[in-house]
Amino acid sequence: MPSLFAWNYNEDGEPVGYFMEEAEGRELNDYTATLNGSQNLDTDQIDTDAVKHQISYLDTVMDLYGESHGDLHPKNIMIDEKTSSITVIDPVGYDRETASTEAARKKDREKINSWLNDLEAAS
């Protein structure tokens, strides 16, 4: 099965890095802080339902590929303010055996569910 992330491998077939598109926009934590009133940023352009759907889909895709992110937190999810699309940045699951464990997936799943709850409560 292909990897969820675009990895760069050494000659021994071990992942040594990853490729990542440039992500512009606002971090998820800035956006949720704005929604709950602790920051005052313009969020009128962002479709909260679209963001929630994509974060939920992220969990589904990570389950499908059997991988975790390795450092999943709101600063590693960027929201494009023009399109409301999300980009997940900075995966660190270099140890594929650790990144693909159910314990690692459970940890990411708990974080994702928490963010979905925060977005729902704030919107």
C-alpha atoms as a PDB file:
ATOM      1  CA  MET A   1       0.000   0.000   0.000  1.00  0.00           C
ATOM      2  CA  PRO A   2       1.340   3.473  -0.792  1.00  0.00           C
ATOM      3  CA  SER A   3       2.311   5.883   1.938  1.00  0.00           C
ATOM      4  CA  LEU A   4       0.069   8.717   3.045  1.00  0.00           C
ATOM      5  CA  PHE A   5       3.068  11.050   2.965  1.00  0.00           C
ATOM      6  CA  ALA A   6       5.587  11.544   0.137  1.00  0.00           C
ATOM      7  CA  TRP A   7       8.749  10.018   1.582  1.00  0.00           C
ATOM      8  CA  ASN A   8      12.347  10.294   0.461  1.00  0.00           C
ATOM      9  CA  TYR A   9      14.254   7.011   0.953  1.00  0.00           C
ATOM     10  CA  ASN A  10      17.964   6.246   1.245  1.00  0.00           C
ATOM     11  CA  GLU A  11      19.660   3.451  -0.734  1.00  0.00           C
ATOM     12  CA  ASP A  12      18.691   0.926   1.977  1.00  0.00           C
ATOM     13  CA  GLY A  13      15.014   1.742   1.515  1.00  0.00           C
ATOM     14  CA  GLU A  14      14.694   3.590   4.829  1.00  0.00           C
ATOM     15  CA  PRO A  15      12.697   6.822   4.942  1.00  0.00           C
ATOM     16  CA  VAL A  16      14.996   9.778   5.584  1.00  0.00           C
ATOM     17  CA  GLY A  17      12.673  12.680   4.932  1.00  0.00           C
ATOM     18  CA  TYR A  18       9.507  13.711   3.175  1.00  0.00           C
ATOM     19  CA  PHE A  19       8.295  16.060   0.506  1.00  0.00           C
ATOM     20  CA  MET A  20       5.714  18.638   1.410  1.00  0.00           C
ATOM     21  CA  GLU A  21       3.922  21.281  -0.592  1.00  0.00           C
ATOM     22  CA  GLU A  22       4.163  24.848   0.607  1.00  0.00           C
ATOM     23  CA  ALA A  23       1.178  25.572   2.808  1.00  0.00           C
ATOM     24  CA  GLU A  24      -0.189  29.041   3.246  1.00  0.00           C
ATOM     25  CA  GLY A  25      -2.990  30.206   5.458  1.00  0.00           C
ATOM     26  CA  ARG A  26      -3.880  30.086   9.101  1.00  0.00           C
ATOM     27  CA  GLU A  27      -3.028  27.403  11.647  1.00  0.00           C
ATOM     28  CA  LEU A  28      -5.985  25.479  13.026  1.00  0.00           C
ATOM     29  CA  ASN A  29      -5.235  26.702  16.562  1.00  0.00           C
ATOM     30  CA  ASP A  30      -5.466  30.355  15.426  1.00  0.00           C
ATOM     31  CA  TYR A  31      -8.763  29.663  13.713  1.00  0.00           C
ATOM     32  CA  THR A  32     -10.368  27.886  16.685  1.00  0.00           C
ATOM     33  CA  ALA A  33      -9.093  30.596  19.048  1.00  0.00           C
ATOM     34  CA  THR A  34     -10.795  33.167  16.838  1.00  0.00           C
ATOM     35  CA  LEU A  35     -14.041  31.209  16.786  1.00  0.00           C
ATOM     36  CA  ASN A  36     -14.142  30.915  20.577  1.00  0.00           C
ATOM     37  CA  GLY A  37     -13.338  34.619  21.031  1.00  0.00           C
ATOM     38  CA  SER A  38      -9.808  34.479  22.437  1.00  0.00           C
ATOM     39  CA  GLN A  39      -8.376  35.982  19.243  1.00  0.00           C
ATOM     40  CA  ASN A  40      -9.849  38.565  16.918  1.00  0.00           C
ATOM     41  CA  LEU A  41      -9.009  37.554  13.343  1.00  0.00           C
ATOM     42  CA  ASP A  42     -11.182  37.786  10.234  1.00  0.00           C
ATOM     43  CA  THR A  43     -12.643  34.322   9.632  1.00  0.00           C
ATOM     44  CA  ASP A  44     -15.581  35.251   7.400  1.00  0.00           C
ATOM     45  CA  GLN A  45     -13.965  33.630   4.367  1.00  0.00           C
ATOM     46  CA  ILE A  46     -13.434  30.231   6.000  1.00  0.00           C
ATOM     47  CA  ASP A  47     -16.176  27.605   5.749  1.00  0.00           C
ATOM     48  CA  THR A  48     -16.119  25.885   9.148  1.00  0.00           C
ATOM     49  CA  ASP A  49     -18.199  22.945   7.910  1.00  0.00           C
ATOM     50  CA  ALA A  50     -15.695  22.326   5.101  1.00  0.00           C
ATOM     51  CA  VAL A  51     -12.823  22.417   7.599  1.00  0.00           C
ATOM     52  CA  LYS A  52     -14.618  19.960   9.906  1.00  0.00           C
ATOM     53  CA  HIS A  53     -15.346  17.635   6.991  1.00  0.00           C
ATOM     54  CA  GLN A  54     -11.698  17.622   5.892  1.00  0.00           C
ATOM     55  CA  ILE A  55     -10.391  16.989   9.399  1.00  0.00           C
ATOM     56  CA  SER A  56     -12.829  14.098   9.727  1.00  0.00           C
ATOM     57  CA  TYR A  57     -11.703  12.803   6.334  1.00  0.00           C
ATOM     58  CA  LEU A  58      -8.077  13.042   7.484  1.00  0.00           C
ATOM     59  CA  ASP A  59      -8.866  10.520  10.213  1.00  0.00           C
ATOM     60  CA  THR A  60     -10.479   8.196   7.658  1.00  0.00           C
ATOM     61  CA  VAL A  61      -7.520   8.415   5.276  1.00  0.00           C
ATOM     62  CA  MET A  62      -4.989   7.825   8.044  1.00  0.00           C
ATOM     63  CA  ASP A  63      -6.962   4.721   9.048  1.00  0.00           C
ATOM     64  CA  LEU A  64      -7.066   3.552   5.434  1.00  0.00           C
ATOM     65  CA  TYR A  65      -3.298   3.863   5.087  1.00  0.00           C
ATOM     66  CA  GLY A  66      -2.667   2.596   8.609  1.00  0.00           C
ATOM     67  CA  GLU A  67      -0.391   5.509   9.429  1.00  0.00           C
ATOM     68  CA  SER A  68      -0.174   8.215  12.025  1.00  0.00           C
ATOM     69  CA  HIS A  69       1.303  11.677  11.643  1.00  0.00           C
ATOM     70  CA  GLY A  70       3.753  11.449  14.518  1.00  0.00           C
ATOM     71  CA  ASP A  71       3.400  15.065  15.630  1.00  0.00           C
ATOM     72  CA  LEU A  72      -0.214  15.946  14.955  1.00  0.00           C
ATOM     73  CA  HIS A  73      -1.319  19.184  16.606  1.00  0.00           C
ATOM     74  CA  PRO A  74      -3.247  22.307  15.531  1.00  0.00           C
ATOM     75  CA  LYS A  75      -0.085  24.133  14.402  1.00  0.00           C
ATOM     76  CA  ASN A  76       0.463  21.349  11.847  1.00  0.00           C
ATOM     77  CA  ILE A  77      -2.890  21.834  10.163  1.00  0.00           C
ATOM     78  CA  MET A  78      -3.013  24.845   7.882  1.00  0.00           C
ATOM     79  CA  ILE A  79      -6.282  26.301   6.592  1.00  0.00           C
ATOM     80  CA  ASP A  80      -6.260  28.148   3.273  1.00  0.00           C
ATOM     81  CA  GLU A  81      -8.398  31.222   3.892  1.00  0.00           C
ATOM     82  CA  LYS A  82      -9.453  31.490   0.242  1.00  0.00           C
ATOM     83  CA  THR A  83     -10.551  27.891  -0.320  1.00  0.00           C
ATOM     84  CA  SER A  84     -11.115  26.585   3.250  1.00  0.00           C
ATOM     85  CA  SER A  85      -8.936  23.600   2.340  1.00  0.00           C
ATOM     86  CA  ILE A  86      -6.595  22.118   4.921  1.00  0.00           C
ATOM     87  CA  THR A  87      -3.002  20.987   4.496  1.00  0.00           C
ATOM     88  CA  VAL A  88      -1.329  18.739   7.043  1.00  0.00           C
ATOM     89  CA  ILE A  89       2.311  19.685   7.481  1.00  0.00           C
ATOM     90  CA  ASP A  90       5.438  18.340   9.189  1.00  0.00           C
ATOM     91  CA  PRO A  91       4.829  14.595   9.566  1.00  0.00           C
ATOM     92  CA  VAL A  92       7.546  12.996  11.661  1.00  0.00           C
ATOM     93  CA  GLY A  93       6.587   9.330  11.535  1.00  0.00           C
ATOM     94  CA  TYR A  94      10.006   8.309  10.162  1.00  0.00           C
ATOM     95  CA  ASP A  95       9.879   5.037  12.070  1.00  0.00           C
ATOM     96  CA  ARG A  96       7.241   3.354   9.925  1.00  0.00           C
ATOM     97  CA  GLU A  97       6.727   0.544  12.447  1.00  0.00           C
ATOM     98  CA  THR A  98       5.931   3.052  15.204  1.00  0.00           C
ATOM     99  CA  ALA A  99       3.875   5.323  12.923  1.00  0.00           C
ATOM    100  CA  SER A 100       1.686   2.451  11.800  1.00  0.00           C
ATOM    101  CA  THR A 101       0.812   1.084  15.249  1.00  0.00           C
ATOM    102  CA  GLU A 102      -2.734   1.194  16.539  1.00  0.00           C
ATOM    103  CA  ALA A 103      -1.518   3.099  19.616  1.00  0.00           C
ATOM    104  CA  ALA A 104      -0.133   5.890  17.403  1.00  0.00           C
ATOM    105  CA  ARG A 105      -3.355   5.956  15.361  1.00  0.00           C
ATOM    106  CA  LYS A 106      -5.444   6.071  18.539  1.00  0.00           C
ATOM    107  CA  LYS A 107      -3.473   9.082  19.778  1.00  0.00           C
ATOM    108  CA  ASP A 108      -4.035  10.927  16.477  1.00  0.00           C
ATOM    109  CA  ARG A 109      -7.713   9.911  16.400  1.00  0.00           C
ATOM    110  CA  GLU A 110      -8.246  11.337  19.912  1.00  0.00           C
ATOM    111  CA  LYS A 111      -6.675  14.643  18.864  1.00  0.00           C
ATOM    112  CA  ILE A 112      -8.778  14.832  15.708  1.00  0.00           C
ATOM    113  CA  ASN A 113     -11.983  14.129  17.639  1.00  0.00           C
ATOM    114  CA  SER A 114     -11.061  16.818  20.159  1.00  0.00           C
ATOM    115  CA  TRP A 115     -10.557  19.384  17.382  1.00  0.00           C
ATOM    116  CA  LEU A 116     -13.860  18.439  15.774  1.00  0.00           C
ATOM    117  CA  ASN A 117     -15.577  18.937  19.129  1.00  0.00           C
ATOM    118  CA  ASP A 118     -13.837  22.328  19.561  1.00  0.00           C
ATOM    119  CA  LEU A 119     -14.904  23.441  16.076  1.00  0.00           C
ATOM    120  CA  GLU A 120     -18.465  22.298  16.687  1.00  0.00           C
ATOM    121  CA  ALA A 121     -18.672  24.089  20.034  1.00  0.00           C
ATOM    122  CA  ALA A 122     -17.197  27.300  18.652  1.00  0.00           C
ATOM    123  CA  SER A 123     -19.288  27.504  15.489  1.00  0.00           C
END
